[in-house]
Amino acid sequence: MVAVINNDECVGCGTCVDECPTEAISMNDDNIAVVDENECTDCGACVDVCPTDAITQE
């Protein structure tokens, strides 16, 4: 399982980027969070801090 970003719900706040312990999340040119599936350990830290619930674990 990995974190999955719902692009329609992401507001580009960057909270998940700051919280991710493996630096698996970055922001793209449209200021939307992107998950590097090779680095994501499915810890759920980003899911817990996302203010718009735009991140799920799948």
PDB file of N, CA and C in Angstrom:
ATOM      1  N   MET A   1       0.837  -1.193   0.000  1.00  0.00           N
ATOM      2  CA  MET A   1       0.000   0.000   0.000  1.00  0.00           C
ATOM      3  C   MET A   1       0.873   1.246   0.000  1.00  0.00           C
ATOM      4  N   VAL A   2       0.355   2.288  -0.605  1.00  0.00           N
ATOM      5  CA  VAL A   2       1.034   3.580  -0.622  1.00  0.00           C
ATOM      6  C   VAL A   2       0.014   4.691  -0.441  1.00  0.00           C
ATOM      7  N   ALA A   3       0.497   5.867  -0.140  1.00  0.00           N
ATOM      8  CA  ALA A   3      -0.366   7.035  -0.046  1.00  0.00           C
ATOM      9  C   ALA A   3      -0.777   7.453  -1.454  1.00  0.00           C
ATOM     10  N   VAL A   4      -2.044   7.823  -1.592  1.00  0.00           N
ATOM     11  CA  VAL A   4      -2.579   8.268  -2.876  1.00  0.00           C
ATOM     12  C   VAL A   4      -3.220   9.639  -2.673  1.00  0.00           C
ATOM     13  N   ILE A   5      -2.855  10.587  -3.533  1.00  0.00           N
ATOM     14  CA  ILE A   5      -3.365  11.949  -3.446  1.00  0.00           C
ATOM     15  C   ILE A   5      -4.561  12.121  -4.373  1.00  0.00           C
ATOM     16  N   ASN A   6      -5.653  12.663  -3.855  1.00  0.00           N
ATOM     17  CA  ASN A   6      -6.789  13.052  -4.677  1.00  0.00           C
ATOM     18  C   ASN A   6      -6.525  14.490  -5.146  1.00  0.00           C
ATOM     19  N   ASN A   7      -6.153  14.625  -6.402  1.00  0.00           N
ATOM     20  CA  ASN A   7      -5.756  15.942  -6.925  1.00  0.00           C
ATOM     21  C   ASN A   7      -6.854  16.986  -6.823  1.00  0.00           C
ATOM     22  N   ASP A   8      -8.110  16.559  -6.878  1.00  0.00           N
ATOM     23  CA  ASP A   8      -9.218  17.509  -6.786  1.00  0.00           C
ATOM     24  C   ASP A   8      -9.387  18.061  -5.378  1.00  0.00           C
ATOM     25  N   GLU A   9      -8.911  17.327  -4.377  1.00  0.00           N
ATOM     26  CA  GLU A   9      -9.048  17.747  -2.981  1.00  0.00           C
ATOM     27  C   GLU A   9      -7.799  18.437  -2.423  1.00  0.00           C
ATOM     28  N   CYS A  10      -6.635  18.202  -3.037  1.00  0.00           N
ATOM     29  CA  CYS A  10      -5.385  18.779  -2.546  1.00  0.00           C
ATOM     30  C   CYS A  10      -5.380  20.292  -2.765  1.00  0.00           C
ATOM     31  N   VAL A  11      -5.101  21.037  -1.695  1.00  0.00           N
ATOM     32  CA  VAL A  11      -5.057  22.497  -1.772  1.00  0.00           C
ATOM     33  C   VAL A  11      -3.630  23.036  -1.813  1.00  0.00           C
ATOM     34  N   GLY A  12      -2.648  22.135  -1.837  1.00  0.00           N
ATOM     35  CA  GLY A  12      -1.254  22.558  -1.972  1.00  0.00           C
ATOM     36  C   GLY A  12      -0.657  23.191  -0.739  1.00  0.00           C
ATOM     37  N   CYS A  13      -1.141  22.827   0.436  1.00  0.00           N
ATOM     38  CA  CYS A  13      -0.638  23.443   1.665  1.00  0.00           C
ATOM     39  C   CYS A  13       0.770  22.972   2.036  1.00  0.00           C
ATOM     40  N   GLY A  14       1.146  21.755   1.597  1.00  0.00           N
ATOM     41  CA  GLY A  14       2.481  21.238   1.871  1.00  0.00           C
ATOM     42  C   GLY A  14       2.662  20.596   3.227  1.00  0.00           C
ATOM     43  N   THR A  15       1.601  20.483   3.990  1.00  0.00           N
ATOM     44  CA  THR A  15       1.707  19.872   5.314  1.00  0.00           C
ATOM     45  C   THR A  15       2.207  18.439   5.217  1.00  0.00           C
ATOM     46  N   CYS A  16       1.731  17.707   4.222  1.00  0.00           N
ATOM     47  CA  CYS A  16       2.160  16.314   4.053  1.00  0.00           C
ATOM     48  C   CYS A  16       3.639  16.218   3.708  1.00  0.00           C
ATOM     49  N   VAL A  17       4.136  17.177   2.932  1.00  0.00           N
ATOM     50  CA  VAL A  17       5.554  17.200   2.567  1.00  0.00           C
ATOM     51  C   VAL A  17       6.399  17.350   3.824  1.00  0.00           C
ATOM     52  N   ASP A  18       5.977  18.259   4.685  1.00  0.00           N
ATOM     53  CA  ASP A  18       6.708  18.505   5.930  1.00  0.00           C
ATOM     54  C   ASP A  18       6.644  17.315   6.882  1.00  0.00           C
ATOM     55  N   GLU A  19       5.541  16.583   6.873  1.00  0.00           N
ATOM     56  CA  GLU A  19       5.323  15.495   7.823  1.00  0.00           C
ATOM     57  C   GLU A  19       5.939  14.163   7.390  1.00  0.00           C
ATOM     58  N   CYS A  20       6.130  13.953   6.096  1.00  0.00           N
ATOM     59  CA  CYS A  20       6.591  12.665   5.593  1.00  0.00           C
ATOM     60  C   CYS A  20       8.012  12.352   6.076  1.00  0.00           C
ATOM     61  N   PRO A  21       8.173  11.250   6.827  1.00  0.00           N
ATOM     62  CA  PRO A  21       9.499  10.929   7.377  1.00  0.00           C
ATOM     63  C   PRO A  21      10.494  10.411   6.332  1.00  0.00           C
ATOM     64  N   THR A  22      10.002   9.959   5.182  1.00  0.00           N
ATOM     65  CA  THR A  22      10.898   9.427   4.156  1.00  0.00           C
ATOM     66  C   THR A  22      11.067  10.367   2.972  1.00  0.00           C
ATOM     67  N   GLU A  23      10.501  11.562   3.072  1.00  0.00           N
ATOM     68  CA  GLU A  23      10.555  12.566   1.999  1.00  0.00           C
ATOM     69  C   GLU A  23      10.019  12.008   0.682  1.00  0.00           C
ATOM     70  N   ALA A  24       8.947  11.185   0.780  1.00  0.00           N
ATOM     71  CA  ALA A  24       8.348  10.558  -0.394  1.00  0.00           C
ATOM     72  C   ALA A  24       7.340  11.464  -1.092  1.00  0.00           C
ATOM     73  N   ILE A  25       7.006  12.595  -0.475  1.00  0.00           N
ATOM     74  CA  ILE A  25       6.012  13.495  -1.056  1.00  0.00           C
ATOM     75  C   ILE A  25       6.681  14.808  -1.439  1.00  0.00           C
ATOM     76  N   SER A  26       6.360  15.270  -2.630  1.00  0.00           N
ATOM     77  CA  SER A  26       6.845  16.569  -3.103  1.00  0.00           C
ATOM     78  C   SER A  26       5.673  17.295  -3.753  1.00  0.00           C
ATOM     79  N   MET A  27       5.888  18.543  -4.107  1.00  0.00           N
ATOM     80  CA  MET A  27       4.851  19.327  -4.775  1.00  0.00           C
ATOM     81  C   MET A  27       5.210  19.462  -6.251  1.00  0.00           C
ATOM     82  N   ASN A  28       4.222  19.276  -7.124  1.00  0.00           N
ATOM     83  CA  ASN A  28       4.494  19.434  -8.553  1.00  0.00           C
ATOM     84  C   ASN A  28       4.347  20.896  -8.974  1.00  0.00           C
ATOM     85  N   ASP A  29       4.492  21.168 -10.257  1.00  0.00           N
ATOM     86  CA  ASP A  29       4.432  22.546 -10.761  1.00  0.00           C
ATOM     87  C   ASP A  29       3.069  23.196 -10.552  1.00  0.00           C
ATOM     88  N   ASP A  30       2.033  22.378 -10.397  1.00  0.00           N
ATOM     89  CA  ASP A  30       0.685  22.899 -10.149  1.00  0.00           C
ATOM     90  C   ASP A  30       0.379  23.030  -8.661  1.00  0.00           C
ATOM     91  N   ASN A  31       1.410  22.861  -7.822  1.00  0.00           N
ATOM     92  CA  ASN A  31       1.289  22.939  -6.365  1.00  0.00           C
ATOM     93  C   ASN A  31       0.349  21.865  -5.815  1.00  0.00           C
ATOM     94  N   ILE A  32       0.445  20.676  -6.399  1.00  0.00           N
ATOM     95  CA  ILE A  32      -0.303  19.512  -5.941  1.00  0.00           C
ATOM     96  C   ILE A  32       0.710  18.478  -5.441  1.00  0.00           C
ATOM     97  N   ALA A  33       0.381  17.837  -4.328  1.00  0.00           N
ATOM     98  CA  ALA A  33       1.276  16.832  -3.757  1.00  0.00           C
ATOM     99  C   ALA A  33       1.376  15.605  -4.666  1.00  0.00           C
ATOM    100  N   VAL A  34       2.599  15.068  -4.745  1.00  0.00           N
ATOM    101  CA  VAL A  34       2.878  13.874  -5.541  1.00  0.00           C
ATOM    102  C   VAL A  34       3.652  12.897  -4.667  1.00  0.00           C
ATOM    103  N   VAL A  35       3.247  11.629  -4.691  1.00  0.00           N
ATOM    104  CA  VAL A  35       3.890  10.591  -3.883  1.00  0.00           C
ATOM    105  C   VAL A  35       4.839   9.774  -4.748  1.00  0.00           C
ATOM    106  N   ASP A  36       6.074   9.622  -4.270  1.00  0.00           N
ATOM    107  CA  ASP A  36       7.034   8.720  -4.898  1.00  0.00           C
ATOM    108  C   ASP A  36       6.777   7.332  -4.316  1.00  0.00           C
ATOM    109  N   GLU A  37       6.126   6.474  -5.097  1.00  0.00           N
ATOM    110  CA  GLU A  37       5.726   5.160  -4.603  1.00  0.00           C
ATOM    111  C   GLU A  37       6.913   4.302  -4.173  1.00  0.00           C
ATOM    112  N   ASN A  38       8.099   4.572  -4.713  1.00  0.00           N
ATOM    113  CA  ASN A  38       9.285   3.808  -4.326  1.00  0.00           C
ATOM    114  C   ASN A  38       9.811   4.206  -2.954  1.00  0.00           C
ATOM    115  N   GLU A  39       9.466   5.401  -2.489  1.00  0.00           N
ATOM    116  CA  GLU A  39       9.948   5.886  -1.197  1.00  0.00           C
ATOM    117  C   GLU A  39       8.899   5.792  -0.091  1.00  0.00           C
ATOM    118  N   CYS A  40       7.629   5.720  -0.464  1.00  0.00           N
ATOM    119  CA  CYS A  40       6.537   5.688   0.514  1.00  0.00           C
ATOM    120  C   CYS A  40       6.560   4.367   1.277  1.00  0.00           C
ATOM    121  N   THR A  41       6.510   4.455   2.605  1.00  0.00           N
ATOM    122  CA  THR A  41       6.507   3.264   3.454  1.00  0.00           C
ATOM    123  C   THR A  41       5.117   2.979   4.023  1.00  0.00           C
ATOM    124  N   ASP A  42       4.111   3.711   3.588  1.00  0.00           N
ATOM    125  CA  ASP A  42       2.724   3.517   4.016  1.00  0.00           C
ATOM    126  C   ASP A  42       2.558   3.698   5.526  1.00  0.00           C
ATOM    127  N   CYS A  43       3.262   4.683   6.076  1.00  0.00           N
ATOM    128  CA  CYS A  43       3.192   4.906   7.524  1.00  0.00           C
ATOM    129  C   CYS A  43       1.914   5.641   7.942  1.00  0.00           C
ATOM    130  N   GLY A  44       1.299   6.376   6.997  1.00  0.00           N
ATOM    131  CA  GLY A  44       0.059   7.077   7.301  1.00  0.00           C
ATOM    132  C   GLY A  44       0.209   8.447   7.908  1.00  0.00           C
ATOM    133  N   ALA A  45       1.425   8.911   8.089  1.00  0.00           N
ATOM    134  CA  ALA A  45       1.635  10.232   8.701  1.00  0.00           C
ATOM    135  C   ALA A  45       0.968  11.337   7.883  1.00  0.00           C
ATOM    136  N   CYS A  46       1.056  11.255   6.580  1.00  0.00           N
ATOM    137  CA  CYS A  46       0.472  12.277   5.712  1.00  0.00           C
ATOM    138  C   CYS A  46      -1.052  12.255   5.777  1.00  0.00           C
ATOM    139  N   VAL A  47      -1.619  11.047   5.870  1.00  0.00           N
ATOM    140  CA  VAL A  47      -3.078  10.913   5.951  1.00  0.00           C
ATOM    141  C   VAL A  47      -3.588  11.621   7.198  1.00  0.00           C
ATOM    142  N   ASP A  48      -2.871  11.460   8.300  1.00  0.00           N
ATOM    143  CA  ASP A  48      -3.293  12.030   9.580  1.00  0.00           C
ATOM    144  C   ASP A  48      -3.255  13.554   9.606  1.00  0.00           C
ATOM    145  N   VAL A  49      -2.378  14.177   8.818  1.00  0.00           N
ATOM    146  CA  VAL A  49      -2.228  15.630   8.900  1.00  0.00           C
ATOM    147  C   VAL A  49      -2.899  16.398   7.764  1.00  0.00           C
ATOM    148  N   CYS A  50      -3.384  15.718   6.751  1.00  0.00           N
ATOM    149  CA  CYS A  50      -3.990  16.421   5.611  1.00  0.00           C
ATOM    150  C   CYS A  50      -5.293  17.103   6.030  1.00  0.00           C
ATOM    151  N   PRO A  51      -5.349  18.428   5.895  1.00  0.00           N
ATOM    152  CA  PRO A  51      -6.536  19.163   6.359  1.00  0.00           C
ATOM    153  C   PRO A  51      -7.768  18.973   5.483  1.00  0.00           C
ATOM    154  N   THR A  52      -7.597  18.487   4.259  1.00  0.00           N
ATOM    155  CA  THR A  52      -8.748  18.300   3.364  1.00  0.00           C
ATOM    156  C   THR A  52      -9.052  16.824   3.103  1.00  0.00           C
ATOM    157  N   ASP A  53      -8.382  15.930   3.815  1.00  0.00           N
ATOM    158  CA  ASP A  53      -8.564  14.485   3.625  1.00  0.00           C
ATOM    159  C   ASP A  53      -8.337  14.068   2.173  1.00  0.00           C
ATOM    160  N   ALA A  54      -7.365  14.690   1.541  1.00  0.00           N
ATOM    161  CA  ALA A  54      -7.055  14.403   0.139  1.00  0.00           C
ATOM    162  C   ALA A  54      -6.152  13.180  -0.038  1.00  0.00           C
ATOM    163  N   ILE A  55      -5.690  12.607   1.063  1.00  0.00           N
ATOM    164  CA  ILE A  55      -4.754  11.488   0.982  1.00  0.00           C
ATOM    165  C   ILE A  55      -5.387  10.241   1.584  1.00  0.00           C
ATOM    166  N   THR A  56      -5.282   9.149   0.837  1.00  0.00           N
ATOM    167  CA  THR A  56      -5.750   7.856   1.332  1.00  0.00           C
ATOM    168  C   THR A  56      -4.610   6.851   1.192  1.00  0.00           C
ATOM    169  N   GLN A  57      -4.749   5.732   1.851  1.00  0.00           N
ATOM    170  CA  GLN A  57      -3.772   4.654   1.731  1.00  0.00           C
ATOM    171  C   GLN A  57      -4.411   3.535   0.916  1.00  0.00           C
ATOM    172  N   GLU A  58      -3.797   3.237  -0.232  1.00  0.00           N
ATOM    173  CA  GLU A  58      -4.356   2.201  -1.113  1.00  0.00           C
ATOM    174  C   GLU A  58      -3.299   1.214  -1.487  1.00  0.00           C
TER     175      GLU A  58
END
